[in-house]
Amino acid sequence: MYLLIDLTIDEVELAEPNDVKRLHVAVAHGSDRAEVARLLASTGAGRFVEGDDDHVWVSRGWLRQRAEGRVSGRWSEDLDHMVTKAREHGWLDDDGTHLRAHVEWLATEDGAI
């Protein structure tokens, strides 16, 4: 699963929620860090890792909320397993509410980001 942030429509969505084996943030149509930070904060999706433009803390609560009604089976247990693995690698914040995810700055149609 991943967070898709589309800067042309000011939206953050959870894409591919059933894929609980990976987590990242994809930013489309721009590279404005301040705008991405604003969208993450205003939606409750997360926040940038302090001093790091390439990693975001993603809210576990936001993930669960956005996946509700879209996933089935053992999704909740699989997310808990992801959290366990994240903790082992240091990818869980101090209070355990956010997972660390890499940011992919996607190229636009003209090749620029």
N, C-alpha and C. Protein backbone atom coordinates (compact mmCIF):
# COMPACT_ATOMS: atom_id res chain seq x y z
N MET A 1 0.85 -1.17 0.00
CA MET A 1 0.00 0.00 0.00
C MET A 1 0.89 1.22 0.00
N TYR A 2 0.31 2.29 -0.47
CA TYR A 2 1.07 3.54 -0.44
C TYR A 2 0.12 4.73 -0.42
N LEU A 3 0.66 5.86 0.03
CA LEU A 3 -0.08 7.11 0.02
C LEU A 3 0.23 7.78 -1.30
N LEU A 4 -0.81 8.14 -2.04
CA LEU A 4 -0.63 8.89 -3.27
C LEU A 4 -1.05 10.32 -3.00
N ILE A 5 -0.09 11.23 -3.15
CA ILE A 5 -0.35 12.65 -2.96
C ILE A 5 -0.28 13.30 -4.33
N ASP A 6 -1.42 13.81 -4.79
CA ASP A 6 -1.50 14.46 -6.09
C ASP A 6 -1.61 15.97 -5.84
N LEU A 7 -0.55 16.68 -6.19
CA LEU A 7 -0.50 18.11 -5.90
C LEU A 7 -1.40 18.93 -6.82
N THR A 8 -1.89 18.35 -7.90
CA THR A 8 -2.79 19.11 -8.78
C THR A 8 -4.20 19.17 -8.22
N ILE A 9 -4.55 18.23 -7.34
CA ILE A 9 -5.91 18.23 -6.79
C ILE A 9 -5.92 18.30 -5.26
N ASP A 10 -4.75 18.52 -4.66
CA ASP A 10 -4.65 18.66 -3.20
C ASP A 10 -5.30 17.48 -2.47
N GLU A 11 -4.89 16.28 -2.80
CA GLU A 11 -5.51 15.11 -2.20
C GLU A 11 -4.46 14.08 -1.80
N VAL A 12 -4.75 13.40 -0.69
CA VAL A 12 -3.95 12.26 -0.23
C VAL A 12 -4.88 11.06 -0.21
N GLU A 13 -4.50 10.01 -0.91
CA GLU A 13 -5.34 8.81 -0.90
C GLU A 13 -4.49 7.58 -0.59
N LEU A 14 -5.15 6.57 -0.08
CA LEU A 14 -4.48 5.30 0.19
C LEU A 14 -4.68 4.42 -1.04
N ALA A 15 -3.59 4.09 -1.71
CA ALA A 15 -3.65 3.25 -2.90
C ALA A 15 -3.20 1.83 -2.57
N GLU A 16 -3.79 0.87 -3.24
CA GLU A 16 -3.45 -0.54 -3.06
C GLU A 16 -3.44 -0.96 -1.59
N PRO A 17 -4.52 -0.71 -0.87
CA PRO A 17 -4.53 -0.97 0.57
C PRO A 17 -4.34 -2.44 0.95
N ASN A 18 -4.64 -3.37 0.07
CA ASN A 18 -4.48 -4.78 0.41
C ASN A 18 -3.03 -5.24 0.42
N ASP A 19 -2.12 -4.46 -0.16
CA ASP A 19 -0.70 -4.82 -0.19
C ASP A 19 -0.02 -4.31 1.07
N VAL A 20 -0.04 -5.13 2.10
CA VAL A 20 0.50 -4.71 3.41
C VAL A 20 1.96 -5.12 3.55
N LYS A 21 2.59 -5.50 2.48
CA LYS A 21 4.00 -5.89 2.53
C LYS A 21 4.94 -4.73 2.23
N ARG A 22 4.37 -3.59 1.85
CA ARG A 22 5.21 -2.42 1.55
C ARG A 22 4.44 -1.15 1.92
N LEU A 23 5.19 -0.10 2.17
CA LEU A 23 4.58 1.19 2.47
C LEU A 23 5.51 2.28 1.99
N HIS A 24 4.98 3.18 1.17
CA HIS A 24 5.73 4.36 0.76
C HIS A 24 4.75 5.48 0.44
N VAL A 25 5.32 6.65 0.14
CA VAL A 25 4.53 7.82 -0.21
C VAL A 25 4.95 8.23 -1.61
N ALA A 26 4.00 8.35 -2.52
CA ALA A 26 4.28 8.80 -3.89
C ALA A 26 3.67 10.18 -4.08
N VAL A 27 4.50 11.12 -4.52
CA VAL A 27 4.04 12.49 -4.76
C VAL A 27 4.02 12.74 -6.26
N ALA A 28 2.85 13.06 -6.78
CA ALA A 28 2.69 13.29 -8.22
C ALA A 28 2.44 14.76 -8.51
N HIS A 29 2.94 15.20 -9.64
CA HIS A 29 2.69 16.53 -10.19
C HIS A 29 3.29 17.66 -9.37
N GLY A 30 4.50 17.47 -8.95
CA GLY A 30 5.19 18.55 -8.25
C GLY A 30 6.17 18.05 -7.23
N SER A 31 6.92 18.99 -6.68
CA SER A 31 7.92 18.64 -5.67
C SER A 31 7.97 19.67 -4.56
N ASP A 32 6.84 20.30 -4.29
CA ASP A 32 6.75 21.34 -3.27
C ASP A 32 6.62 20.69 -1.89
N ARG A 33 7.75 20.60 -1.18
CA ARG A 33 7.77 19.95 0.13
C ARG A 33 6.79 20.59 1.10
N ALA A 34 6.72 21.90 1.09
CA ALA A 34 5.81 22.62 2.00
C ALA A 34 4.36 22.24 1.73
N GLU A 35 4.01 22.12 0.46
CA GLU A 35 2.64 21.74 0.11
C GLU A 35 2.34 20.30 0.53
N VAL A 36 3.30 19.41 0.34
CA VAL A 36 3.13 18.02 0.78
C VAL A 36 2.97 17.98 2.30
N ALA A 37 3.79 18.73 3.00
CA ALA A 37 3.69 18.77 4.47
C ALA A 37 2.32 19.28 4.90
N ARG A 38 1.81 20.32 4.21
CA ARG A 38 0.50 20.86 4.53
C ARG A 38 -0.60 19.81 4.32
N LEU A 39 -0.54 19.10 3.21
CA LEU A 39 -1.55 18.08 2.92
C LEU A 39 -1.48 16.93 3.92
N LEU A 40 -0.28 16.50 4.26
CA LEU A 40 -0.14 15.44 5.26
C LEU A 40 -0.76 15.86 6.59
N ALA A 41 -0.46 17.08 7.01
CA ALA A 41 -0.97 17.57 8.28
C ALA A 41 -2.49 17.78 8.25
N SER A 42 -2.99 18.38 7.18
CA SER A 42 -4.42 18.70 7.13
C SER A 42 -5.30 17.47 7.02
N THR A 43 -4.78 16.40 6.47
CA THR A 43 -5.55 15.15 6.36
C THR A 43 -5.32 14.21 7.51
N GLY A 44 -4.31 14.51 8.34
CA GLY A 44 -3.98 13.61 9.44
C GLY A 44 -3.19 12.40 9.00
N ALA A 45 -2.69 12.42 7.75
CA ALA A 45 -1.97 11.26 7.20
C ALA A 45 -0.57 11.11 7.78
N GLY A 46 0.05 12.20 8.18
CA GLY A 46 1.40 12.08 8.72
C GLY A 46 2.15 13.39 8.70
N ARG A 47 3.48 13.24 8.73
CA ARG A 47 4.37 14.41 8.76
C ARG A 47 5.75 13.98 8.28
N PHE A 48 6.52 14.93 7.77
CA PHE A 48 7.89 14.62 7.37
C PHE A 48 8.72 14.27 8.60
N VAL A 49 9.67 13.35 8.40
CA VAL A 49 10.68 13.10 9.42
C VAL A 49 11.51 14.37 9.51
N GLU A 50 11.72 14.85 10.70
CA GLU A 50 12.43 16.12 10.89
C GLU A 50 13.80 16.10 10.21
N GLY A 51 14.03 17.13 9.38
CA GLY A 51 15.31 17.27 8.69
C GLY A 51 15.52 16.30 7.54
N ASP A 52 14.46 15.67 7.05
CA ASP A 52 14.59 14.63 6.01
C ASP A 52 13.47 14.79 4.99
N ASP A 53 13.82 15.22 3.78
CA ASP A 53 12.81 15.41 2.73
C ASP A 53 12.40 14.10 2.06
N ASP A 54 13.06 13.02 2.37
CA ASP A 54 12.81 11.75 1.69
C ASP A 54 12.07 10.72 2.52
N HIS A 55 11.65 11.09 3.74
CA HIS A 55 10.92 10.15 4.59
C HIS A 55 9.80 10.86 5.35
N VAL A 56 8.70 10.13 5.49
CA VAL A 56 7.51 10.65 6.15
C VAL A 56 7.11 9.68 7.25
N TRP A 57 6.60 10.22 8.36
CA TRP A 57 5.94 9.40 9.38
C TRP A 57 4.46 9.31 8.98
N VAL A 58 3.99 8.09 8.70
CA VAL A 58 2.62 7.86 8.27
C VAL A 58 1.80 7.38 9.46
N SER A 59 0.67 7.99 9.69
CA SER A 59 -0.20 7.66 10.82
C SER A 59 -0.83 6.28 10.66
N ARG A 60 -0.64 5.43 11.65
CA ARG A 60 -1.28 4.11 11.64
C ARG A 60 -2.80 4.25 11.70
N GLY A 61 -3.28 5.21 12.46
CA GLY A 61 -4.72 5.44 12.56
C GLY A 61 -5.31 5.87 11.23
N TRP A 62 -4.59 6.73 10.51
CA TRP A 62 -5.06 7.17 9.19
C TRP A 62 -5.12 5.98 8.23
N LEU A 63 -4.10 5.12 8.28
CA LEU A 63 -4.10 3.93 7.41
C LEU A 63 -5.33 3.07 7.68
N ARG A 64 -5.58 2.80 8.97
CA ARG A 64 -6.74 1.97 9.32
C ARG A 64 -8.05 2.62 8.87
N GLN A 65 -8.16 3.92 9.11
CA GLN A 65 -9.38 4.63 8.73
C GLN A 65 -9.61 4.59 7.22
N ARG A 66 -8.57 4.84 6.44
CA ARG A 66 -8.71 4.87 4.98
C ARG A 66 -8.87 3.48 4.37
N ALA A 67 -8.42 2.44 5.08
CA ALA A 67 -8.56 1.08 4.56
C ALA A 67 -9.92 0.47 4.91
N GLU A 68 -10.56 1.03 5.93
CA GLU A 68 -11.83 0.47 6.40
C GLU A 68 -12.84 0.36 5.26
N GLY A 69 -13.42 -0.83 5.13
CA GLY A 69 -14.40 -1.10 4.10
C GLY A 69 -13.81 -1.42 2.73
N ARG A 70 -12.48 -1.32 2.61
CA ARG A 70 -11.82 -1.57 1.34
C ARG A 70 -10.96 -2.82 1.36
N VAL A 71 -10.76 -3.37 2.56
CA VAL A 71 -9.89 -4.53 2.72
C VAL A 71 -10.65 -5.66 3.39
N SER A 72 -10.11 -6.84 3.28
CA SER A 72 -10.78 -7.98 3.90
C SER A 72 -9.76 -8.95 4.46
N GLY A 73 -10.28 -10.01 5.05
CA GLY A 73 -9.41 -11.05 5.56
C GLY A 73 -8.60 -10.62 6.76
N ARG A 74 -7.34 -10.93 6.69
CA ARG A 74 -6.43 -10.71 7.81
C ARG A 74 -5.69 -9.37 7.72
N TRP A 75 -6.29 -8.38 7.09
CA TRP A 75 -5.60 -7.12 6.87
C TRP A 75 -5.09 -6.51 8.18
N SER A 76 -5.92 -6.48 9.19
CA SER A 76 -5.53 -5.87 10.46
C SER A 76 -4.34 -6.60 11.08
N GLU A 77 -4.37 -7.93 11.04
CA GLU A 77 -3.26 -8.72 11.56
C GLU A 77 -2.00 -8.50 10.73
N ASP A 78 -2.17 -8.38 9.40
CA ASP A 78 -1.02 -8.13 8.53
C ASP A 78 -0.42 -6.76 8.81
N LEU A 79 -1.26 -5.77 9.08
CA LEU A 79 -0.74 -4.45 9.44
C LEU A 79 0.02 -4.52 10.76
N ASP A 80 -0.52 -5.25 11.73
CA ASP A 80 0.18 -5.42 13.00
C ASP A 80 1.55 -6.07 12.79
N HIS A 81 1.62 -7.03 11.85
CA HIS A 81 2.90 -7.67 11.54
C HIS A 81 3.86 -6.64 10.93
N MET A 82 3.33 -5.78 10.04
CA MET A 82 4.17 -4.73 9.46
C MET A 82 4.72 -3.82 10.56
N VAL A 83 3.89 -3.50 11.53
CA VAL A 83 4.31 -2.64 12.63
C VAL A 83 5.42 -3.32 13.44
N THR A 84 5.28 -4.61 13.69
CA THR A 84 6.31 -5.37 14.41
C THR A 84 7.64 -5.30 13.67
N LYS A 85 7.59 -5.53 12.37
CA LYS A 85 8.82 -5.47 11.55
C LYS A 85 9.39 -4.05 11.54
N ALA A 86 8.52 -3.06 11.44
CA ALA A 86 8.98 -1.67 11.45
C ALA A 86 9.69 -1.34 12.75
N ARG A 87 9.13 -1.81 13.86
CA ARG A 87 9.74 -1.58 15.17
C ARG A 87 11.15 -2.18 15.20
N GLU A 88 11.30 -3.40 14.67
CA GLU A 88 12.61 -4.09 14.66
C GLU A 88 13.65 -3.29 13.87
N HIS A 89 13.22 -2.57 12.84
CA HIS A 89 14.15 -1.83 11.99
C HIS A 89 14.28 -0.36 12.36
N GLY A 90 13.57 0.08 13.41
CA GLY A 90 13.62 1.48 13.80
C GLY A 90 12.74 2.37 12.95
N TRP A 91 11.72 1.80 12.30
CA TRP A 91 10.84 2.56 11.42
C TRP A 91 9.51 2.87 12.07
N LEU A 92 9.49 2.89 13.38
CA LEU A 92 8.29 3.24 14.14
C LEU A 92 8.67 4.41 15.03
N ASP A 93 7.83 5.44 15.10
CA ASP A 93 8.18 6.60 15.92
C ASP A 93 8.13 6.23 17.40
N ASP A 94 8.60 7.15 18.23
CA ASP A 94 8.75 6.87 19.67
C ASP A 94 7.45 6.48 20.35
N ASP A 95 6.33 7.07 19.93
CA ASP A 95 5.07 6.74 20.60
C ASP A 95 4.32 5.59 19.92
N GLY A 96 4.90 5.05 18.83
CA GLY A 96 4.32 3.87 18.18
C GLY A 96 3.11 4.15 17.31
N THR A 97 2.84 5.41 17.01
CA THR A 97 1.64 5.75 16.24
C THR A 97 1.89 5.98 14.75
N HIS A 98 3.16 6.09 14.36
CA HIS A 98 3.49 6.40 12.97
C HIS A 98 4.59 5.48 12.45
N LEU A 99 4.44 5.07 11.19
CA LEU A 99 5.42 4.24 10.49
C LEU A 99 6.24 5.12 9.55
N ARG A 100 7.52 4.83 9.48
CA ARG A 100 8.40 5.59 8.59
C ARG A 100 8.26 5.04 7.17
N ALA A 101 8.09 5.95 6.20
CA ALA A 101 7.93 5.55 4.80
C ALA A 101 8.79 6.45 3.91
N HIS A 102 9.34 5.87 2.87
CA HIS A 102 10.14 6.59 1.89
C HIS A 102 9.21 7.39 0.96
N VAL A 103 9.67 8.58 0.57
CA VAL A 103 8.92 9.42 -0.37
C VAL A 103 9.51 9.24 -1.77
N GLU A 104 8.62 8.94 -2.72
CA GLU A 104 9.02 8.90 -4.13
C GLU A 104 8.44 10.13 -4.81
N TRP A 105 9.30 10.96 -5.33
CA TRP A 105 8.88 12.17 -6.04
C TRP A 105 8.74 11.77 -7.50
N LEU A 106 7.50 11.60 -7.97
CA LEU A 106 7.25 11.10 -9.32
C LEU A 106 7.45 12.18 -10.36
N ALA A 107 7.98 11.80 -11.50
CA ALA A 107 8.20 12.73 -12.60
C ALA A 107 6.86 13.11 -13.22
N THR A 108 6.79 14.33 -13.71
CA THR A 108 5.58 14.77 -14.43
C THR A 108 5.72 14.42 -15.91
N GLU A 109 4.74 14.74 -16.69
CA GLU A 109 4.71 14.40 -18.11
C GLU A 109 5.92 14.95 -18.88
N ASP A 110 6.41 16.11 -18.49
CA ASP A 110 7.54 16.70 -19.23
C ASP A 110 8.89 16.24 -18.71
N GLY A 111 8.89 15.31 -17.75
CA GLY A 111 10.14 14.74 -17.24
C GLY A 111 10.70 15.45 -16.04
N ALA A 112 10.14 16.59 -15.66
CA ALA A 112 10.61 17.34 -14.49
C ALA A 112 9.86 16.91 -13.27
N ILE A 113 10.45 17.13 -12.12
CA ILE A 113 9.73 16.89 -10.88
C ILE A 113 9.51 18.17 -10.15
